[in-house]
Protein backbone atom coordinates (compact mmCIF):
# COMPACT_ATOMS: atom_id res chain seq x y z
CA UNK A 1 70.37 123.61 87.72
CA UNK A 2 71.66 120.32 86.34
CA UNK A 3 74.49 118.18 87.63
CA UNK A 4 77.78 119.51 86.15
CA UNK A 5 79.15 117.80 83.05
CA UNK A 6 82.22 116.53 84.88
CA UNK A 7 80.05 113.98 86.67
CA UNK A 8 79.77 112.24 83.30
CA UNK A 9 83.48 111.38 83.44
CA UNK A 10 82.68 108.46 85.74
CA UNK A 11 80.27 106.91 83.24
CA UNK A 12 82.93 104.86 81.48
CA UNK A 13 84.10 103.24 84.72
CA UNK A 14 80.50 102.66 85.75
CA UNK A 15 79.82 100.93 82.44
CA UNK A 16 82.86 98.70 82.97
CA UNK A 17 81.56 97.74 86.42
CA UNK A 18 78.13 96.94 85.04
CA UNK A 19 79.62 94.69 82.38
CA UNK A 20 81.75 92.98 85.02
CA UNK A 21 78.64 92.18 87.03
CA UNK A 22 77.25 90.06 84.20
CA UNK A 23 80.16 87.65 84.62
CA UNK A 24 79.95 87.80 88.42
CA UNK A 25 76.38 86.80 89.36
CA UNK A 26 76.77 87.81 93.01
CA UNK A 27 77.76 91.36 92.06
CA UNK A 28 74.76 93.60 91.48
CA UNK A 29 74.42 97.33 90.84
CA UNK A 30 71.43 99.50 91.67
CA UNK A 31 71.13 103.01 90.33
CA UNK A 32 69.67 105.48 92.80
CA UNK A 33 67.07 108.05 91.74
CA UNK A 34 68.55 111.38 90.58
CA UNK A 35 68.32 114.43 92.79
CA UNK A 36 68.12 118.09 91.80
CA UNK A 37 71.13 120.19 92.84
CA UNK A 38 70.55 123.68 94.15
CA UNK A 39 72.74 126.69 93.28
CA UNK A 40 74.12 126.59 96.84
CA UNK A 41 75.77 123.24 96.13
CA UNK A 42 78.06 124.90 93.60
CA UNK A 43 78.91 127.85 95.80
CA UNK A 44 82.23 126.51 97.07
CA UNK A 45 84.25 123.59 95.74
CA UNK A 46 83.79 120.40 93.75
CA UNK A 47 84.14 118.44 96.99
CA UNK A 48 81.39 120.51 98.60
CA UNK A 49 79.11 119.74 95.65
CA UNK A 50 79.74 115.98 95.96
CA UNK A 51 79.19 116.15 99.72
CA UNK A 52 75.75 117.65 99.21
CA UNK A 53 74.97 115.19 96.45
CA UNK A 54 75.66 112.33 98.89
CA UNK A 55 73.52 113.93 101.59
CA UNK A 56 70.64 114.21 99.16
CA UNK A 57 70.60 110.41 98.78
CA UNK A 58 70.21 109.51 102.46
CA UNK A 59 66.47 108.80 102.23
CA UNK A 60 66.94 106.73 99.08
CA UNK A 61 69.66 104.65 100.73
CA UNK A 62 67.46 104.18 103.78
CA UNK A 63 64.58 102.93 101.62
CA UNK A 64 66.91 100.61 99.75
CA UNK A 65 68.34 99.07 102.92
CA UNK A 66 64.94 98.68 104.55
CA UNK A 67 63.63 96.80 101.54
CA UNK A 68 66.53 94.34 101.76
CA UNK A 69 67.18 94.36 105.50
CA UNK A 70 67.13 90.58 106.15
CA UNK A 71 69.84 90.00 103.56
CA UNK A 72 72.12 92.94 104.37
CA UNK A 73 74.78 92.04 106.93
CA UNK A 74 76.89 95.16 106.58
CA UNK A 75 77.52 98.35 104.66
CA UNK A 76 80.84 99.63 103.31
CA UNK A 77 80.94 103.38 102.65
CA UNK A 78 83.50 105.58 100.97
CA UNK A 79 85.69 107.76 103.22
CA UNK A 80 83.74 110.88 102.11
CA UNK A 81 80.27 109.31 102.36
CA UNK A 82 80.17 108.83 106.12
CA UNK A 83 76.70 110.37 106.43
CA UNK A 84 75.48 106.93 105.35
CA UNK A 85 76.79 105.48 108.62
CA UNK A 86 73.91 107.16 110.43
CA UNK A 87 71.43 105.68 107.95
CA UNK A 88 72.76 102.19 108.63
CA UNK A 89 72.86 102.82 112.40
CA UNK A 90 69.12 103.54 112.40
CA UNK A 91 68.60 100.05 110.97
CA UNK A 92 71.18 98.47 113.30
CA UNK A 93 73.40 97.51 110.37
CA UNK A 94 77.17 97.68 111.06
CA UNK A 95 79.24 99.87 108.75
CA UNK A 96 82.84 99.85 107.59
CA UNK A 97 84.82 102.62 105.88
CA UNK A 98 86.73 102.20 102.63
CA UNK A 99 89.60 104.68 102.96
CA UNK A 100 91.21 105.31 99.57
CA UNK A 101 94.00 107.60 100.82
CA UNK A 102 97.05 106.31 102.72
CA UNK A 103 97.00 105.15 106.32
CA UNK A 104 99.25 108.10 107.19
CA UNK A 105 96.49 110.52 106.19
CA UNK A 106 93.87 108.54 108.09
CA UNK A 107 96.03 109.04 111.17
CA UNK A 108 96.40 112.75 110.42
CA UNK A 109 92.63 113.17 110.24
CA UNK A 110 92.08 111.33 113.52
CA UNK A 111 94.90 113.31 115.16
CA UNK A 112 93.41 116.64 114.09
CA UNK A 113 89.98 115.54 115.29
CA UNK A 114 91.53 114.71 118.67
CA UNK A 115 93.18 118.14 118.83
CA UNK A 116 89.86 119.82 118.05
CA UNK A 117 87.51 117.77 120.23
CA UNK A 118 89.68 116.91 123.21
CA UNK A 119 92.25 119.70 123.39
CA UNK A 120 90.11 122.54 122.03
CA UNK A 121 92.74 123.52 119.48
CA UNK A 122 92.07 125.56 116.36
CA UNK A 123 93.43 123.11 113.79
CA UNK A 124 93.61 125.80 111.12
CA UNK A 125 96.39 127.47 113.13
CA UNK A 126 98.69 124.49 112.50
CA UNK A 127 99.58 125.94 109.10
CA UNK A 128 101.24 128.84 110.95
CA UNK A 129 103.24 126.67 113.36
CA UNK A 130 106.87 127.71 113.79
CA UNK A 131 108.09 124.16 114.35
CA UNK A 132 107.47 120.86 112.61
CA UNK A 133 104.49 118.87 113.87
CA UNK A 134 104.34 115.50 115.56
CA UNK A 135 101.58 113.36 114.01
CA UNK A 136 101.38 109.74 115.27
CA UNK A 137 101.01 108.22 111.79
CA UNK A 138 104.17 109.91 110.46
CA UNK A 139 107.59 108.65 111.52
CA UNK A 140 109.18 112.08 111.10
CA UNK A 141 107.99 115.54 112.16
CA UNK A 142 105.78 117.07 109.48
CA UNK A 143 106.49 120.58 108.11
CA UNK A 144 103.41 122.85 108.38
CA UNK A 145 103.75 123.79 104.70
CA UNK A 146 102.79 120.26 103.55
CA UNK A 147 99.62 119.95 105.65
CA UNK A 148 96.57 119.23 103.55
CA UNK A 149 94.22 122.16 103.05
CA UNK A 150 91.29 119.95 104.05
CA UNK A 151 92.82 119.97 107.55
CA UNK A 152 93.94 123.58 107.88
CA UNK A 153 91.43 125.44 105.75
CA UNK A 154 88.87 126.28 108.42
CA UNK A 155 85.87 126.04 106.12
CA UNK A 156 86.72 122.64 104.69
CA UNK A 157 87.73 121.26 108.09
CA UNK A 158 84.74 122.44 110.10
CA UNK A 159 82.13 121.92 107.37
CA UNK A 160 83.15 118.42 106.29
CA UNK A 161 86.39 116.76 107.28
CA UNK A 162 86.02 117.08 111.05
CA UNK A 163 82.67 115.28 110.73
CA UNK A 164 84.20 112.60 108.52
CA UNK A 165 86.91 111.94 111.12
CA UNK A 166 84.37 111.70 113.93
CA UNK A 167 82.35 109.24 111.89
CA UNK A 168 85.37 107.01 111.25
CA UNK A 169 85.41 106.15 114.96
CA UNK A 170 81.81 104.90 114.71
CA UNK A 171 82.63 102.31 112.06
CA UNK A 172 83.15 98.63 112.78
CA UNK A 173 86.33 98.69 110.74
CA UNK A 174 88.34 100.79 108.29
CA UNK A 175 89.57 99.18 105.07
CA UNK A 176 92.60 101.05 103.68
CA UNK A 177 94.10 100.80 100.20
CA UNK A 178 97.65 100.25 101.37
CA UNK A 179 99.87 97.40 102.60
CA UNK A 180 102.03 96.75 105.61
CA UNK A 181 105.42 96.85 103.85
CA UNK A 182 104.61 100.26 102.39
CA UNK A 183 103.30 102.00 105.52
CA UNK A 184 104.58 100.04 108.53
CA UNK A 185 104.80 103.05 110.86
CA UNK A 186 101.42 104.51 109.98
CA UNK A 187 99.63 101.17 110.35
CA UNK A 188 101.50 100.44 113.56
CA UNK A 189 100.23 103.70 115.05
CA UNK A 190 96.71 102.23 115.20
CA UNK A 191 97.76 99.23 117.28
CA UNK A 192 98.02 98.92 121.04
CA UNK A 193 97.36 101.89 123.28
CA UNK A 194 95.65 104.54 121.21
CA UNK A 195 97.75 107.47 120.04
CA UNK A 196 94.55 109.20 118.94
CA UNK A 197 92.90 110.43 122.11
CA UNK A 198 90.40 108.70 124.36
CA UNK A 199 87.91 107.66 121.69
CA UNK A 200 88.18 104.21 120.10
CA UNK A 201 89.81 103.65 116.72
CA UNK A 202 88.19 100.74 114.86
CA UNK A 203 90.33 97.89 113.51
CA UNK A 204 92.23 98.94 110.40
CA UNK A 205 92.48 96.47 107.52
CA UNK A 206 95.23 97.18 104.93
CA UNK A 207 94.11 95.33 101.78
CA UNK A 208 96.09 97.03 99.00
CA UNK A 209 97.29 97.68 96.51
CA UNK A 210 93.87 97.68 94.86
CA UNK A 211 94.45 98.56 91.21
CA UNK A 212 92.22 98.81 88.17
CA UNK A 213 93.33 95.77 86.24
CA UNK A 214 90.53 96.03 83.70
CA UNK A 215 91.21 95.10 80.07
CA UNK A 216 94.03 97.25 78.77
CA UNK A 217 94.19 98.75 75.30
CA UNK A 218 96.57 96.01 74.21
CA UNK A 219 94.29 93.28 75.59
CA UNK A 220 91.36 94.78 73.71
CA UNK A 221 93.34 94.63 70.49
CA UNK A 222 93.17 98.40 70.17
CA UNK A 223 96.65 99.48 71.06
CA UNK A 224 96.64 103.26 71.28
CA UNK A 225 98.99 105.60 69.46
CA UNK A 226 100.61 106.46 72.79
CA UNK A 227 101.42 102.85 73.61
CA UNK A 228 102.71 102.23 70.10
CA UNK A 229 105.02 105.24 70.48
CA UNK A 230 106.33 103.84 73.76
CA UNK A 231 107.04 100.51 72.06
CA UNK A 232 109.62 102.30 69.91
CA UNK A 233 111.49 103.92 72.81
CA UNK A 234 114.50 102.40 74.62
CA UNK A 235 113.81 100.61 77.90
CA UNK A 236 113.60 102.92 80.92
CA UNK A 237 114.26 106.05 78.86
CA UNK A 238 110.96 107.95 79.06
CA UNK A 239 109.80 110.42 81.72
CA UNK A 240 106.02 110.16 82.04
CA UNK A 241 104.34 113.43 83.14
CA UNK A 242 100.75 113.18 84.33
CA UNK A 243 98.74 114.97 87.02
CA UNK A 244 95.72 112.68 87.17
CA UNK A 245 92.12 113.15 86.07
CA UNK A 246 91.63 116.28 88.20
CA UNK A 247 95.05 117.91 88.12
CA UNK A 248 96.30 120.68 85.85
CA UNK A 249 98.71 123.62 85.76
CA UNK A 250 98.38 127.31 85.00
CA UNK A 251 99.84 128.64 81.75
CA UNK A 252 103.02 130.06 83.29
CA UNK A 253 103.71 126.77 85.03
CA UNK A 254 103.12 124.77 81.85
CA UNK A 255 105.80 126.79 80.08
CA UNK A 256 108.29 126.31 82.94
CA UNK A 257 107.65 122.57 82.84
CA UNK A 258 108.19 122.49 79.08
CA UNK A 259 111.50 124.29 79.47
CA UNK A 260 112.60 121.95 82.25
CA UNK A 261 111.74 118.87 80.20
CA UNK A 262 113.63 120.18 77.18
CA UNK A 263 116.70 121.17 79.22
CA UNK A 264 116.85 117.77 80.90
CA UNK A 265 117.53 116.09 77.57
CA UNK A 266 115.41 113.06 78.47
CA UNK A 267 112.65 111.53 76.40
CA UNK A 268 109.19 112.32 77.72
CA UNK A 269 105.49 111.55 77.40
CA UNK A 270 103.42 114.46 78.71
CA UNK A 271 99.70 114.25 79.44
CA UNK A 272 98.90 117.96 79.15
CA UNK A 273 95.39 119.21 79.91
CA UNK A 274 93.83 122.65 80.14
CA UNK A 275 93.12 124.05 83.60
CA UNK A 276 89.46 124.80 84.21
CA UNK A 277 88.38 128.39 84.99
CA UNK A 278 89.18 129.54 88.49
CA UNK A 279 85.58 129.54 89.67
CA UNK A 280 84.25 128.20 92.95
CA UNK A 281 83.01 124.89 91.61
CA UNK A 282 85.74 124.16 89.09
CA UNK A 283 85.21 121.44 86.52
CA UNK A 284 87.69 118.78 85.62
CA UNK A 285 90.48 119.75 83.22
CA UNK A 286 89.68 119.70 79.51
CA UNK A 287 91.70 119.03 76.36
CA UNK A 288 93.60 121.70 74.43
CA UNK A 289 92.51 122.35 70.86
CA UNK A 290 96.17 122.97 70.01
CA UNK A 291 99.25 122.56 72.21
CA UNK A 292 101.03 125.33 70.31
CA UNK A 293 98.77 127.89 72.01
CA UNK A 294 100.28 127.11 75.42
CA UNK A 295 103.78 125.68 74.87
CA UNK A 296 106.92 127.78 74.23
CA UNK A 297 107.46 128.72 70.61
CA UNK A 298 109.26 125.96 68.71
CA UNK A 299 109.06 123.48 71.61
CA UNK A 300 107.13 120.83 69.70
CA UNK A 301 109.49 121.02 66.72
CA UNK A 302 112.64 120.89 68.85
CA UNK A 303 111.43 117.86 70.85
CA UNK A 304 109.66 116.01 68.04
CA UNK A 305 112.17 113.12 68.07
CA UNK A 306 112.32 112.67 71.82
CA UNK A 307 108.97 113.75 73.23
CA UNK A 308 105.24 113.35 72.81
CA UNK A 309 102.53 115.69 74.14
CA UNK A 310 99.06 114.16 74.44
CA UNK A 311 95.79 114.60 76.34
CA UNK A 312 94.26 111.99 78.60
CA UNK A 313 96.12 108.66 78.69
CA UNK A 314 95.44 105.21 80.23
CA UNK A 315 97.84 105.74 83.12
CA UNK A 316 98.28 102.17 84.35
CA UNK A 317 98.84 100.93 80.79
CA UNK A 318 101.51 103.59 80.31
CA UNK A 319 103.27 102.86 83.61
CA UNK A 320 103.33 99.18 82.67
CA UNK A 321 105.38 99.86 79.53
CA UNK A 322 109.11 98.97 79.74
CA UNK A 323 110.08 102.29 78.13
CA UNK A 324 108.84 104.33 81.10
CA UNK A 325 111.69 105.00 83.52
CA UNK A 326 110.22 107.72 85.74
CA UNK A 327 106.94 109.40 86.64
CA UNK A 328 106.39 113.08 87.44
CA UNK A 329 103.23 112.74 89.51
CA UNK A 330 100.77 114.74 91.60
CA UNK A 331 101.08 111.94 94.20
CA UNK A 332 97.42 111.01 94.31
CA UNK A 333 97.34 107.74 96.21
CA UNK A 334 96.04 105.64 93.31
CA UNK A 335 98.85 106.97 91.14
CA UNK A 336 101.41 106.22 93.86
CA UNK A 337 100.23 102.62 94.16
CA UNK A 338 100.16 102.14 90.39
CA UNK A 339 103.66 103.52 89.99
CA UNK A 340 105.14 101.41 92.80
CA UNK A 341 103.38 98.29 91.54
CA UNK A 342 104.98 98.87 88.14
CA UNK A 343 108.40 99.58 89.67
CA UNK A 344 108.52 103.16 88.34
CA UNK A 345 110.07 105.81 90.66
CA UNK A 346 108.22 109.09 91.20
CA UNK A 347 109.25 112.72 91.15
CA UNK A 348 106.80 114.53 93.44
CA UNK A 349 104.66 117.45 92.32
CA UNK A 350 101.53 117.54 94.55
CA UNK A 351 98.55 119.73 93.69
CA UNK A 352 95.70 119.36 96.21
CA UNK A 353 93.85 117.10 98.68
CA UNK A 354 96.33 115.12 100.80
CA UNK A 355 98.96 114.97 98.04
CA UNK A 356 101.49 117.25 99.76
CA UNK A 357 101.52 114.89 102.76
CA UNK A 358 101.82 111.88 100.44
CA UNK A 359 104.81 113.50 98.75
CA UNK A 360 106.47 114.22 102.09
CA UNK A 361 106.02 110.61 103.19
CA UNK A 362 107.36 109.20 99.91
CA UNK A 363 110.47 111.40 99.84
CA UNK A 364 111.41 112.03 103.46
CA UNK A 365 110.15 108.89 105.23
CA UNK A 366 110.10 106.04 102.73
CA UNK A 367 112.82 107.02 100.25
CA UNK A 368 110.60 105.94 97.34
CA UNK A 369 110.56 109.21 95.40
CA UNK A 370 112.67 112.22 94.51
CA UNK A 371 111.54 115.76 95.15
CA UNK A 372 110.62 118.35 92.59
CA UNK A 373 108.38 120.05 95.14
CA UNK A 374 106.54 118.99 98.29
CA UNK A 375 104.43 122.07 98.91
CA UNK A 376 103.03 123.21 95.56
CA UNK A 377 99.30 124.00 95.48
CA UNK A 378 97.37 123.96 92.21
CA UNK A 379 95.65 127.30 92.76
CA UNK A 380 98.07 128.95 95.14
CA UNK A 381 97.15 132.51 96.06
CA UNK A 382 100.77 133.66 95.86
CA UNK A 383 101.11 132.55 92.23
CA UNK A 384 104.35 130.68 92.93
CA UNK A 385 105.71 128.49 90.15
CA UNK A 386 108.26 125.69 90.14
CA UNK A 387 111.17 126.90 88.02
CA UNK A 388 112.57 125.14 84.98
CA UNK A 389 115.83 124.67 86.86
CA UNK A 390 114.13 122.87 89.74
CA UNK A 391 112.26 120.68 87.27
CA UNK A 392 115.40 119.82 85.32
CA UNK A 393 117.24 118.90 88.53
CA UNK A 394 114.38 116.68 89.65
CA UNK A 395 114.20 114.88 86.30
CA UNK A 396 117.92 114.17 86.25
CA UNK A 397 117.74 112.73 89.77
CA UNK A 398 114.61 110.74 88.88
CA UNK A 399 116.22 109.13 85.83
CA UNK A 400 119.55 108.33 87.47
CA UNK A 401 120.27 104.66 86.90
CA UNK A 402 121.27 102.61 89.93
CA UNK A 403 120.06 105.25 92.41
CA UNK A 404 119.00 104.28 95.90
CA UNK A 405 115.43 105.40 95.17
CA UNK A 406 115.28 103.20 92.08
CA UNK A 407 116.51 100.21 94.08
CA UNK A 408 113.94 100.79 96.81
CA UNK A 409 111.11 101.10 94.28
CA UNK A 410 112.14 97.85 92.63
CA UNK A 411 112.03 96.12 96.01
CA UNK A 412 108.63 97.66 96.81
CA UNK A 413 107.25 96.42 93.48
CA UNK A 414 107.93 92.85 94.58
CA UNK A 415 106.53 93.47 98.07
CA UNK A 416 103.35 94.96 96.63
CA UNK A 417 102.85 91.88 94.48
CA UNK A 418 103.44 89.51 97.37
CA UNK A 419 101.07 91.37 99.68
CA UNK A 420 97.98 90.42 97.66
CA UNK A 421 98.98 86.84 96.87
CA UNK A 422 97.65 83.97 98.95
CA UNK A 423 99.33 84.17 102.36
CA UNK A 424 100.41 87.79 101.83
CA UNK A 425 99.70 90.49 104.40
CA UNK A 426 96.85 92.12 102.47
CA UNK A 427 95.37 88.76 101.55
CA UNK A 428 95.25 87.82 105.23
CA UNK A 429 93.91 91.25 106.20
CA UNK A 430 91.11 91.01 103.63
CA UNK A 431 90.08 87.64 105.03
CA UNK A 432 90.01 89.13 108.53
CA UNK A 433 87.74 91.88 107.26
CA UNK A 434 85.41 89.36 105.59
CA UNK A 435 85.27 87.30 108.81
CA UNK A 436 84.42 90.50 110.71
CA UNK A 437 81.49 91.24 108.39
CA UNK A 438 80.28 87.64 108.27
CA UNK A 439 80.16 87.51 112.05
CA UNK A 440 77.03 89.64 111.75
CA UNK A 441 75.17 86.73 110.12
CA UNK A 442 74.91 84.78 113.35
CA UNK A 443 73.80 87.74 115.42
């Protein structure tokens, strides 16, 4: 069995990183030997496959670190690659976590691990709670319906995410892609007397927003058709609809969304992609051969002057365009940070992972988004769809000029910029993290 084709989708980003290393002599990339997946790896979910792929590289990482041990002062691992902490521990090399989800979700994982390990609670039962839940990293009680499936699906929690949370406590520090002005309560929950049980919580370093500011289409002199279309639209008039590289909707939901967009009367740019088959190890979405096969009859003709339906788009480039006035988003954390950094308000439509909890925080706690839905799941067993009426209402609220949400987002755009400038909170936090790692040199 070969590695699924969707793994190839990272090759473009990897190539960009390799080219960047040629202009940054101290940045080097080493490609690990390939491993052979077994059929069992694909028996559950995409995340389960990646988890096993990481595990298969432990011996290769160990060999790599041993060969360079005198020069390695620390290891930074992704939030889902914590098995590498144990490899580094064997060599007495300190490890830090790079946590790419929000600080609020980091707190939720640690809280659930505390409930499981110290209070002997069945975390999966939280989804059936009759009252809202108190989680230290959230300022307001959290409705059970927005809890991430990786916490309350027993298989995902016990097989992987419980172990990830335990490993976080073993790290020397946790670097989070967020900033203090965005998540003050969540970050504050890690300070002082621990709200997360008796075990230690390592220092948390908010260093965001970390965005992919690689060369844009316009900088490359190859301005795409999508960006050219946006150039011709009035400022702040376009609703951008995009569910990320992994998100997609079923056919019934696509048609409801089309109807809601048309009824709203607003201009729109829609990144529409085909949902992969509902198998256990689903691939990434693919492109439609023709949008007419999925959209309501006549939709493309009726909206030809005000809308554009496309496949994959360069999201940050699009959000940076003056014509974009609102973003219907799955609330993946990278998308949230990109949207806020561009000053574009979000209408929430979460699909999977921790996105339901992100949507709750954005709408109910931070006032930085409007709600289309907080509790939608991409492959919900009950087949529920968001109605065209709900979508239309959300779009109208999203595009309201002078709204409180729009004002807050504009303020957060400036705060996000200031956080990474010299003297800003994330700038200072990053330097603290570097000092922490460099302290290992003198040991």
